[in-house]
Protein backbone atom coordinates (compact mmCIF):
# COMPACT_ATOMS: atom_id res chain seq x y z
CA MET A 1 -22.51 25.16 11.25
CA LYS A 2 -19.03 26.56 10.65
CA LYS A 3 -18.32 23.88 8.00
CA VAL A 4 -21.50 24.86 6.14
CA PHE A 5 -20.61 28.55 6.42
CA PHE A 6 -17.12 28.08 4.90
CA LEU A 7 -18.30 25.63 2.31
CA SER A 8 -20.92 28.12 1.19
CA ALA A 9 -18.37 30.89 1.03
CA PHE A 10 -15.95 28.77 -0.99
CA VAL A 11 -18.70 27.70 -3.42
CA LEU A 12 -19.79 31.37 -3.77
CA ALA A 13 -16.19 32.42 -4.59
CA LEU A 14 -15.76 29.62 -7.17
CA THR A 15 -19.12 30.41 -8.72
CA ALA A 16 -18.15 34.02 -8.99
CA ALA A 17 -14.97 33.01 -10.79
CA GLY A 18 -17.00 32.54 -13.95
CA PHE A 19 -17.23 36.34 -14.37
CA ALA A 20 -14.42 38.44 -15.74
CA GLN A 21 -12.12 39.88 -13.07
CA SER A 22 -9.55 42.61 -12.53
CA ASP A 23 -7.15 43.67 -9.79
CA TYR A 24 -7.65 46.44 -7.31
CA LYS A 25 -5.46 48.73 -5.08
CA SER A 26 -7.69 48.98 -1.99
CA ALA A 27 -11.15 48.10 -0.75
CA ILE A 28 -13.45 49.16 2.08
CA GLY A 29 -16.52 47.32 3.42
CA GLY A 30 -17.65 44.89 6.07
CA ARG A 31 -16.77 41.48 7.46
CA ILE A 32 -18.95 38.92 9.20
CA GLY A 33 -16.98 36.49 11.33
CA THR A 34 -17.61 33.44 13.48
CA GLY A 35 -15.44 34.59 16.43
CA ARG A 36 -16.71 36.13 19.60
CA TYR A 37 -14.49 39.19 19.23
CA ASP A 38 -15.33 40.20 15.66
CA LEU A 39 -18.77 38.97 14.81
CA ILE A 40 -19.38 42.13 12.73
CA SER A 41 -16.60 44.47 11.71
CA GLY A 42 -15.60 47.21 9.31
CA SER A 43 -12.84 46.14 6.91
CA PHE A 44 -10.17 48.02 4.94
CA LYS A 45 -7.68 46.21 2.73
CA PHE A 46 -4.87 47.77 0.70
CA PHE A 47 -1.99 46.41 -1.34
CA VAL A 48 1.49 47.63 -0.42
CA ALA A 49 3.20 45.72 -3.34
CA GLU A 50 2.00 43.37 -6.06
CA PRO A 51 1.48 40.25 -3.91
CA SER A 52 1.38 41.94 -0.43
CA ALA A 53 -1.67 43.40 1.32
CA ILE A 54 -2.62 44.72 4.74
CA GLU A 55 -6.12 44.20 6.14
CA ILE A 56 -7.42 46.23 9.06
CA ASN A 57 -10.67 45.33 10.86
CA ALA A 58 -12.54 47.05 13.69
CA GLY A 59 -15.69 45.47 15.09
CA PHE A 60 -17.69 43.97 17.93
CA GLY A 61 -19.10 40.68 19.13
CA THR A 62 -20.80 38.97 22.10
CA ARG A 63 -20.69 35.83 24.10
CA GLY A 64 -22.57 34.47 27.16
CA TYR A 65 -20.67 33.09 30.18
CA TYR A 66 -22.97 31.33 32.57
CA SER A 67 -25.69 33.94 33.23
CA TYR A 68 -23.45 36.85 32.21
CA ASN A 69 -23.42 38.31 28.70
CA THR A 70 -20.09 39.71 27.60
CA GLY A 71 -19.70 42.22 24.77
CA TYR A 72 -16.48 42.78 22.90
CA VAL A 73 -14.93 45.59 20.91
CA SER A 74 -11.89 44.59 18.83
CA ALA A 75 -9.34 45.75 16.33
CA SER A 76 -7.05 43.61 14.19
CA ALA A 77 -4.48 44.00 11.46
CA SER A 78 -2.93 41.34 9.26
CA TYR A 79 -0.38 40.95 6.50
CA GLN A 80 -1.47 38.82 3.56
CA HIS A 81 0.73 37.42 0.79
CA HIS A 82 -1.39 36.64 -2.31
CA PHE A 83 -0.79 33.88 -4.90
CA LYS A 84 -2.53 33.68 -8.23
CA ILE A 85 -4.86 30.79 -9.06
CA PRO A 86 -5.31 29.72 -12.73
CA VAL A 87 -8.59 31.60 -12.69
CA GLU A 88 -8.07 35.31 -13.49
CA GLY A 89 -8.68 37.55 -10.49
CA LEU A 90 -9.11 34.72 -7.98
CA ARG A 91 -6.24 34.49 -5.50
CA TRP A 92 -5.41 32.60 -2.32
CA PHE A 93 -3.44 34.15 0.51
CA VAL A 94 -1.55 33.36 3.69
CA GLY A 95 -0.23 35.64 6.38
CA GLY A 96 -0.60 36.63 9.98
CA GLY A 97 -1.58 39.38 12.29
CA ALA A 98 -2.53 40.61 15.73
CA MET A 99 -5.73 41.58 17.47
CA LEU A 100 -6.66 43.59 20.54
CA TYR A 101 -10.01 43.46 22.31
CA ASN A 102 -11.82 44.79 25.33
CA ALA A 103 -14.51 42.70 27.05
CA PHE A 104 -17.46 44.36 28.81
CA SER A 105 -19.35 42.31 31.41
CA LYS A 106 -21.26 42.76 34.64
CA HIS A 107 -19.07 39.94 36.08
CA ASN A 108 -15.61 41.30 36.86
CA ASP A 109 -13.87 38.02 35.91
CA TYR A 110 -14.98 38.43 32.31
CA ASP A 111 -14.36 42.19 32.04
CA GLY A 112 -11.05 43.54 30.66
CA PHE A 113 -8.43 43.67 28.01
CA GLY A 114 -7.09 40.87 25.79
CA ALA A 115 -4.69 40.38 22.85
CA GLY A 116 -3.89 37.68 20.41
CA LEU A 117 -1.76 36.63 17.46
CA PHE A 118 -3.08 34.72 14.46
CA PRO A 119 -2.04 33.08 11.22
CA THR A 120 -4.54 33.61 8.43
CA GLY A 121 -5.37 32.08 5.09
CA GLY A 122 -8.16 32.30 2.54
CA ILE A 123 -9.28 33.25 -0.91
CA ASP A 124 -9.81 36.66 -2.49
CA TYR A 125 -12.03 37.47 -5.51
CA LYS A 126 -12.56 40.69 -7.47
CA PHE A 127 -15.44 41.23 -9.94
CA SER A 128 -14.46 43.27 -13.03
CA LYS A 129 -17.94 44.52 -14.09
CA ILE A 130 -18.66 45.93 -10.65
CA PRO A 131 -16.32 47.38 -7.99
CA LEU A 132 -16.77 44.52 -5.56
CA ASN A 133 -14.30 42.28 -3.71
CA VAL A 134 -15.26 39.13 -1.74
CA THR A 135 -12.88 37.38 0.68
CA ALA A 136 -13.26 34.23 2.79
CA ASP A 137 -10.65 33.50 5.45
CA ILE A 138 -9.80 31.53 8.63
CA ARG A 139 -7.98 32.94 11.67
CA PRO A 140 -7.04 30.64 14.56
CA THR A 141 -6.21 33.22 17.23
CA PHE A 142 -3.73 32.39 20.01
CA LEU A 143 -4.59 34.56 23.02
CA ILE A 144 -1.48 36.02 24.71
CA ALA A 145 -3.46 38.16 27.18
CA ARG A 146 -7.00 37.66 28.41
CA PRO A 147 -9.18 39.01 31.23
CA HIS A 148 -9.72 35.65 32.94
CA SER A 149 -8.33 32.09 32.89
CA ASP A 150 -11.75 30.72 31.81
CA TYR A 151 -11.12 32.17 28.35
CA ASN A 152 -9.78 29.62 25.86
CA ASP A 153 -6.14 29.85 24.79
CA VAL A 154 -7.16 29.49 21.13
CA ASP A 155 -10.18 30.96 19.38
CA VAL A 156 -10.67 29.57 15.88
CA SER A 157 -12.72 31.92 13.73
CA GLY A 158 -13.21 32.78 10.15
CA GLY A 159 -15.19 35.17 8.13
CA VAL A 160 -16.42 36.56 4.85
CA ALA A 161 -15.71 40.16 3.82
CA VAL A 162 -17.52 42.10 1.14
CA ARG A 163 -15.81 45.38 0.12
CA TYR A 164 -16.17 48.21 -2.42
CA THR A 165 -12.95 48.46 -4.42
CA LEU A 166 -11.02 51.66 -4.91
CA GLY A 167 -8.59 52.04 -7.80
CA SER A 168 -7.28 49.53 -10.31
CA ARG A 169 -3.71 48.18 -10.45
CA ARG A 170 -3.80 47.92 -14.25
């Protein structure tokens, strides 16, 4: 399922590359992820220099443990260094970041605070005819704090963000 999700996102981004593109200063919108901590989140991305951007996400997710459902509220921030691709407006990026989350469960072992660090990589595309940005990424998160030892040490997740762009860098 995850492979189909990322393949579809990559094909969508490459298909969109046929349209004219332009750069942007910042963008705000939403992100749908595959991880338990950030299934749905708000997303804000802004460039601090020509190739360097910061992305901030705040969201929620859910996961079932045995007969207990656990809900999550999370926040993450990442640095992304962008590299141009020979298609105007399409870029790939690498970087890293940190995330914090709080788990809510009726079972005390799955209730509590957690934190993680993650490398990130993906592609970024900006339409020129409309103020829209699309990003697909992957974030293998290494948990450095978690509520219970049953939580995995690594949570591999990815996502697709769609954002309204604000300002042009041209």
